[in-house]
């Protein structure tokens, strides 16, 4: 890669929220609820990344994973789904947002046949 790419990626790494939002294009074909979920997950995602760095340091190894590398791993499918989609799928439907209960608890109607 050209040296200007390295300089730009270094700048991007210094702005973690910008780095996170740069992955938003991966959600263009997903449901509005998944897009909304993505928009609320910067802080938990960044905290998991920092936790991984801390664990690596505690083990006596100098961490080399950048936030961009970490995010790439969060959106790379393994065994069918990426980790981000797995986390979204593990959230109970009523906590995902949107109209709670409507989609998973449709209105009961009597059908009479006289």
N, C-alpha and C. Protein backbone atom coordinates (compact mmCIF):
# COMPACT_ATOMS: atom_id res chain seq x y z
N UNK A 1 0.84 -1.18 0.00
CA UNK A 1 0.00 0.00 0.00
C UNK A 1 0.89 1.25 0.00
N UNK A 2 0.41 2.31 -0.62
CA UNK A 2 1.18 3.55 -0.62
C UNK A 2 1.31 4.11 0.79
N UNK A 3 2.35 4.92 0.99
CA UNK A 3 2.61 5.46 2.33
C UNK A 3 1.49 6.40 2.80
N UNK A 4 0.81 7.08 1.88
CA UNK A 4 -0.28 7.96 2.31
C UNK A 4 -1.43 7.15 2.89
N UNK A 5 -1.61 5.90 2.43
CA UNK A 5 -2.64 5.03 3.02
C UNK A 5 -2.30 4.75 4.48
N UNK A 6 -1.04 4.48 4.76
CA UNK A 6 -0.61 4.22 6.13
C UNK A 6 -0.86 5.43 7.02
N UNK A 7 -0.56 6.61 6.50
CA UNK A 7 -0.76 7.82 7.27
C UNK A 7 -2.26 8.02 7.56
N UNK A 8 -3.11 7.80 6.56
CA UNK A 8 -4.54 7.97 6.74
C UNK A 8 -5.11 6.92 7.70
N UNK A 9 -4.62 5.69 7.62
CA UNK A 9 -5.12 4.67 8.54
C UNK A 9 -4.66 4.97 9.97
N UNK A 10 -3.48 5.56 10.13
CA UNK A 10 -3.03 5.97 11.47
C UNK A 10 -3.95 7.05 12.04
N UNK A 11 -4.34 8.00 11.20
CA UNK A 11 -5.25 9.05 11.63
C UNK A 11 -6.59 8.44 12.02
N UNK A 12 -7.06 7.49 11.21
CA UNK A 12 -8.33 6.83 11.50
C UNK A 12 -8.28 6.09 12.83
N UNK A 13 -7.17 5.44 13.13
CA UNK A 13 -7.02 4.71 14.39
C UNK A 13 -7.05 5.65 15.60
N UNK A 14 -6.69 6.90 15.41
CA UNK A 14 -6.72 7.87 16.50
C UNK A 14 -8.13 8.40 16.76
N UNK A 15 -9.05 8.08 15.87
CA UNK A 15 -10.45 8.49 16.01
C UNK A 15 -11.32 7.23 16.02
N UNK A 16 -11.43 6.54 17.16
CA UNK A 16 -12.12 5.26 17.17
C UNK A 16 -13.59 5.33 16.73
N UNK A 17 -14.30 6.40 17.04
CA UNK A 17 -15.70 6.49 16.60
C UNK A 17 -15.78 6.57 15.08
N UNK A 18 -14.87 7.31 14.48
CA UNK A 18 -14.82 7.40 13.02
C UNK A 18 -14.49 6.04 12.42
N UNK A 19 -13.57 5.33 13.03
CA UNK A 19 -13.22 3.99 12.57
C UNK A 19 -14.45 3.10 12.64
N UNK A 20 -15.17 3.15 13.74
CA UNK A 20 -16.38 2.34 13.91
C UNK A 20 -17.42 2.68 12.85
N UNK A 21 -17.67 3.97 12.64
CA UNK A 21 -18.68 4.38 11.67
C UNK A 21 -18.27 4.03 10.24
N UNK A 22 -16.98 3.86 9.99
CA UNK A 22 -16.55 3.50 8.65
C UNK A 22 -17.02 2.09 8.27
N UNK A 23 -17.46 1.30 9.24
CA UNK A 23 -17.98 -0.04 8.98
C UNK A 23 -19.50 -0.03 8.75
N UNK A 24 -20.12 1.13 8.82
CA UNK A 24 -21.57 1.23 8.69
C UNK A 24 -22.06 0.75 7.32
N UNK A 25 -21.24 0.88 6.29
CA UNK A 25 -21.67 0.44 4.97
C UNK A 25 -21.99 -1.05 4.94
N UNK A 26 -21.46 -1.82 5.88
CA UNK A 26 -21.77 -3.24 5.95
C UNK A 26 -23.21 -3.50 6.35
N UNK A 27 -23.89 -2.47 6.85
CA UNK A 27 -25.27 -2.62 7.31
C UNK A 27 -26.28 -2.06 6.32
N UNK A 28 -25.84 -1.69 5.14
CA UNK A 28 -26.76 -1.08 4.18
C UNK A 28 -27.88 -2.02 3.76
N UNK A 29 -27.65 -3.32 3.71
CA UNK A 29 -28.70 -4.25 3.31
C UNK A 29 -29.41 -4.91 4.46
N UNK A 30 -29.12 -4.50 5.67
CA UNK A 30 -29.72 -5.14 6.84
C UNK A 30 -30.97 -4.40 7.29
N UNK A 31 -31.68 -5.00 8.21
CA UNK A 31 -32.94 -4.42 8.68
C UNK A 31 -32.69 -3.11 9.42
N UNK A 32 -33.71 -2.24 9.48
CA UNK A 32 -33.57 -0.99 10.23
C UNK A 32 -33.21 -1.23 11.70
N UNK A 33 -33.73 -2.32 12.29
CA UNK A 33 -33.39 -2.62 13.69
C UNK A 33 -31.92 -2.97 13.84
N UNK A 34 -31.36 -3.71 12.88
CA UNK A 34 -29.94 -4.02 12.94
C UNK A 34 -29.10 -2.76 12.75
N UNK A 35 -29.53 -1.88 11.88
CA UNK A 35 -28.80 -0.62 11.68
C UNK A 35 -28.86 0.22 12.95
N UNK A 36 -30.02 0.26 13.58
CA UNK A 36 -30.17 1.01 14.83
C UNK A 36 -29.29 0.38 15.92
N UNK A 37 -29.26 -0.93 15.99
CA UNK A 37 -28.42 -1.63 16.95
C UNK A 37 -26.95 -1.28 16.74
N UNK A 38 -26.51 -1.29 15.47
CA UNK A 38 -25.13 -0.92 15.15
C UNK A 38 -24.81 0.48 15.68
N UNK A 39 -25.73 1.42 15.48
CA UNK A 39 -25.49 2.80 15.89
C UNK A 39 -25.38 2.97 17.40
N UNK A 40 -25.90 2.02 18.17
CA UNK A 40 -25.83 2.13 19.63
C UNK A 40 -24.71 1.29 20.25
N UNK A 41 -23.93 0.62 19.43
CA UNK A 41 -22.96 -0.34 19.96
C UNK A 41 -21.51 0.13 19.95
N UNK A 42 -21.25 1.39 19.66
CA UNK A 42 -19.85 1.85 19.65
C UNK A 42 -19.18 1.63 21.00
N UNK A 43 -19.77 2.14 22.07
CA UNK A 43 -19.14 2.06 23.39
C UNK A 43 -18.91 0.63 23.84
N UNK A 44 -19.92 -0.27 23.78
CA UNK A 44 -19.65 -1.65 24.17
C UNK A 44 -18.59 -2.33 23.30
N UNK A 45 -18.60 -2.04 22.01
CA UNK A 45 -17.62 -2.64 21.10
C UNK A 45 -16.22 -2.14 21.42
N UNK A 46 -16.08 -0.84 21.63
CA UNK A 46 -14.76 -0.27 21.94
C UNK A 46 -14.27 -0.78 23.30
N UNK A 47 -15.18 -0.93 24.25
CA UNK A 47 -14.78 -1.47 25.55
C UNK A 47 -14.30 -2.91 25.44
N UNK A 48 -14.96 -3.72 24.59
CA UNK A 48 -14.50 -5.10 24.38
C UNK A 48 -13.10 -5.11 23.76
N UNK A 49 -12.87 -4.20 22.82
CA UNK A 49 -11.55 -4.07 22.19
C UNK A 49 -10.49 -3.71 23.23
N UNK A 50 -10.78 -2.71 24.06
CA UNK A 50 -9.82 -2.32 25.10
C UNK A 50 -9.59 -3.47 26.08
N UNK A 51 -10.64 -4.22 26.41
CA UNK A 51 -10.50 -5.38 27.28
C UNK A 51 -9.59 -6.43 26.67
N UNK A 52 -9.72 -6.65 25.36
CA UNK A 52 -8.83 -7.60 24.67
C UNK A 52 -7.38 -7.13 24.72
N UNK A 53 -7.18 -5.82 24.53
CA UNK A 53 -5.82 -5.28 24.62
C UNK A 53 -5.24 -5.49 26.01
N UNK A 54 -6.05 -5.21 27.03
CA UNK A 54 -5.61 -5.39 28.41
C UNK A 54 -5.27 -6.84 28.72
N UNK A 55 -6.07 -7.76 28.23
CA UNK A 55 -5.81 -9.19 28.44
C UNK A 55 -4.50 -9.60 27.77
N UNK A 56 -4.27 -9.07 26.59
CA UNK A 56 -3.03 -9.38 25.87
C UNK A 56 -1.83 -8.85 26.64
N UNK A 57 -1.94 -7.61 27.14
CA UNK A 57 -0.84 -7.03 27.92
C UNK A 57 -0.58 -7.82 29.20
N UNK A 58 -1.65 -8.23 29.88
CA UNK A 58 -1.48 -9.01 31.12
C UNK A 58 -0.79 -10.34 30.87
N UNK A 59 -0.96 -10.87 29.67
CA UNK A 59 -0.31 -12.15 29.36
C UNK A 59 1.16 -11.95 28.99
N UNK A 60 1.62 -10.70 28.98
CA UNK A 60 3.02 -10.42 28.72
C UNK A 60 3.36 -10.24 27.25
N UNK A 61 2.35 -10.08 26.41
CA UNK A 61 2.55 -9.91 24.98
C UNK A 61 2.16 -8.49 24.60
N UNK A 62 2.96 -7.88 23.74
CA UNK A 62 2.64 -6.53 23.26
C UNK A 62 1.54 -6.64 22.20
N UNK A 63 0.37 -6.01 22.43
CA UNK A 63 -0.73 -6.13 21.47
C UNK A 63 -0.41 -5.43 20.15
N UNK A 64 -0.81 -6.05 19.08
CA UNK A 64 -0.59 -5.46 17.74
C UNK A 64 -1.91 -5.26 16.99
N UNK A 65 -3.01 -5.69 17.58
CA UNK A 65 -4.31 -5.57 16.92
C UNK A 65 -4.80 -4.13 16.98
N UNK A 66 -5.07 -3.56 15.82
CA UNK A 66 -5.64 -2.22 15.77
C UNK A 66 -7.16 -2.32 15.92
N UNK A 67 -7.81 -1.22 16.18
CA UNK A 67 -9.26 -1.21 16.30
C UNK A 67 -9.89 -1.62 14.96
N UNK A 68 -9.29 -1.20 13.85
CA UNK A 68 -9.78 -1.59 12.53
C UNK A 68 -9.70 -3.10 12.36
N UNK A 69 -8.58 -3.70 12.77
CA UNK A 69 -8.44 -5.16 12.69
C UNK A 69 -9.49 -5.85 13.56
N UNK A 70 -9.70 -5.33 14.77
CA UNK A 70 -10.69 -5.90 15.68
C UNK A 70 -12.08 -5.84 15.06
N UNK A 71 -12.44 -4.68 14.49
CA UNK A 71 -13.75 -4.54 13.87
C UNK A 71 -13.91 -5.46 12.67
N UNK A 72 -12.84 -5.61 11.89
CA UNK A 72 -12.90 -6.53 10.75
C UNK A 72 -13.26 -7.93 11.22
N UNK A 73 -12.69 -8.34 12.35
CA UNK A 73 -13.01 -9.65 12.90
C UNK A 73 -14.43 -9.74 13.40
N UNK A 74 -14.99 -8.62 13.86
CA UNK A 74 -16.36 -8.62 14.35
C UNK A 74 -17.38 -8.74 13.23
N UNK A 75 -16.99 -8.40 12.03
CA UNK A 75 -17.91 -8.43 10.89
C UNK A 75 -17.54 -9.48 9.86
N UNK A 76 -16.60 -10.37 10.19
CA UNK A 76 -16.22 -11.46 9.30
C UNK A 76 -16.95 -12.72 9.72
N UNK A 77 -17.76 -13.29 8.82
CA UNK A 77 -18.53 -14.48 9.19
C UNK A 77 -17.62 -15.68 9.49
N UNK A 78 -17.94 -16.35 10.59
CA UNK A 78 -17.33 -17.63 10.92
C UNK A 78 -18.46 -18.56 11.32
N UNK A 79 -18.49 -19.73 10.77
CA UNK A 79 -19.57 -20.68 11.01
C UNK A 79 -20.93 -20.09 10.66
N UNK A 80 -21.00 -19.34 9.57
CA UNK A 80 -22.27 -18.83 9.08
C UNK A 80 -22.60 -17.40 9.44
N UNK A 81 -22.27 -16.98 10.66
CA UNK A 81 -22.61 -15.62 11.10
C UNK A 81 -21.39 -14.91 11.66
N UNK A 82 -21.39 -13.59 11.53
CA UNK A 82 -20.33 -12.81 12.16
C UNK A 82 -20.70 -12.59 13.63
N UNK A 83 -19.70 -12.33 14.50
CA UNK A 83 -19.98 -12.13 15.92
C UNK A 83 -20.99 -11.01 16.21
N UNK A 84 -20.96 -9.96 15.42
CA UNK A 84 -21.88 -8.84 15.65
C UNK A 84 -23.32 -9.29 15.44
N UNK A 85 -23.57 -10.04 14.38
CA UNK A 85 -24.92 -10.54 14.10
C UNK A 85 -25.35 -11.55 15.15
N UNK A 86 -24.42 -12.36 15.64
CA UNK A 86 -24.74 -13.32 16.71
C UNK A 86 -25.20 -12.58 17.97
N UNK A 87 -24.50 -11.50 18.32
CA UNK A 87 -24.90 -10.73 19.50
C UNK A 87 -26.29 -10.12 19.31
N UNK A 88 -26.54 -9.58 18.12
CA UNK A 88 -27.86 -9.00 17.83
C UNK A 88 -28.94 -10.09 17.95
N UNK A 89 -28.66 -11.26 17.42
CA UNK A 89 -29.63 -12.35 17.46
C UNK A 89 -29.89 -12.89 18.85
N UNK A 90 -28.93 -12.70 19.76
CA UNK A 90 -29.10 -13.22 21.11
C UNK A 90 -29.91 -12.28 22.02
N UNK A 91 -30.18 -11.08 21.53
CA UNK A 91 -30.96 -10.12 22.31
C UNK A 91 -32.44 -10.51 22.20
N UNK A 92 -33.17 -10.56 23.31
CA UNK A 92 -34.59 -10.86 23.23
C UNK A 92 -35.30 -9.85 22.32
N UNK A 93 -36.27 -10.30 21.54
CA UNK A 93 -36.94 -9.41 20.57
C UNK A 93 -37.48 -8.12 21.18
N UNK A 94 -38.01 -8.20 22.41
CA UNK A 94 -38.58 -6.97 22.99
C UNK A 94 -37.52 -5.97 23.41
N UNK A 95 -36.24 -6.37 23.44
CA UNK A 95 -35.16 -5.45 23.81
C UNK A 95 -34.43 -4.91 22.58
N UNK A 96 -34.78 -5.37 21.39
CA UNK A 96 -34.10 -4.94 20.17
C UNK A 96 -34.57 -3.58 19.69
N UNK A 97 -35.71 -3.13 20.17
CA UNK A 97 -36.25 -1.86 19.69
C UNK A 97 -37.41 -2.10 18.76
N UNK A 98 -37.85 -1.07 18.13
CA UNK A 98 -38.99 -1.20 17.23
C UNK A 98 -40.29 -1.29 18.00
N UNK A 99 -41.24 -2.01 17.47
CA UNK A 99 -42.55 -2.18 18.11
C UNK A 99 -42.55 -3.48 18.90
N UNK A 100 -42.35 -3.41 20.20
CA UNK A 100 -42.26 -4.64 20.98
C UNK A 100 -43.55 -5.45 20.91
N UNK A 101 -43.37 -6.74 20.70
CA UNK A 101 -44.49 -7.65 20.73
C UNK A 101 -45.26 -7.80 19.43
N UNK A 102 -45.28 -6.82 18.59
CA UNK A 102 -46.09 -6.91 17.37
C UNK A 102 -45.65 -8.02 16.45
N UNK A 103 -44.39 -8.07 16.19
CA UNK A 103 -43.89 -9.03 15.22
C UNK A 103 -43.93 -10.45 15.78
N UNK A 104 -43.69 -10.60 17.05
CA UNK A 104 -43.58 -11.92 17.64
C UNK A 104 -44.81 -12.31 18.45
N UNK A 105 -45.74 -11.41 18.60
CA UNK A 105 -46.95 -11.69 19.34
C UNK A 105 -48.12 -11.03 18.61
N UNK A 106 -48.48 -11.59 17.46
CA UNK A 106 -49.54 -10.93 16.68
C UNK A 106 -50.86 -10.92 17.41
N UNK A 107 -51.68 -9.97 17.07
CA UNK A 107 -52.98 -9.84 17.71
C UNK A 107 -53.80 -11.10 17.43
N UNK A 108 -54.43 -11.61 18.49
CA UNK A 108 -55.24 -12.82 18.36
C UNK A 108 -56.60 -12.44 17.78
N UNK A 109 -57.04 -13.19 16.81
CA UNK A 109 -58.34 -12.92 16.20
C UNK A 109 -59.14 -14.22 16.12
N UNK A 110 -60.41 -14.10 16.38
CA UNK A 110 -61.29 -15.25 16.25
C UNK A 110 -61.76 -15.35 14.80
N UNK A 111 -61.74 -16.53 14.31
CA UNK A 111 -62.27 -16.77 12.98
C UNK A 111 -63.48 -17.69 13.18
N UNK A 112 -64.63 -17.16 12.85
CA UNK A 112 -65.87 -17.94 13.02
C UNK A 112 -66.34 -18.43 11.65
N UNK A 113 -66.74 -19.64 11.68
CA UNK A 113 -67.24 -20.23 10.46
C UNK A 113 -68.65 -20.72 10.75
N UNK A 114 -69.66 -19.91 10.42
CA UNK A 114 -71.06 -20.29 10.72
C UNK A 114 -71.75 -20.79 9.48
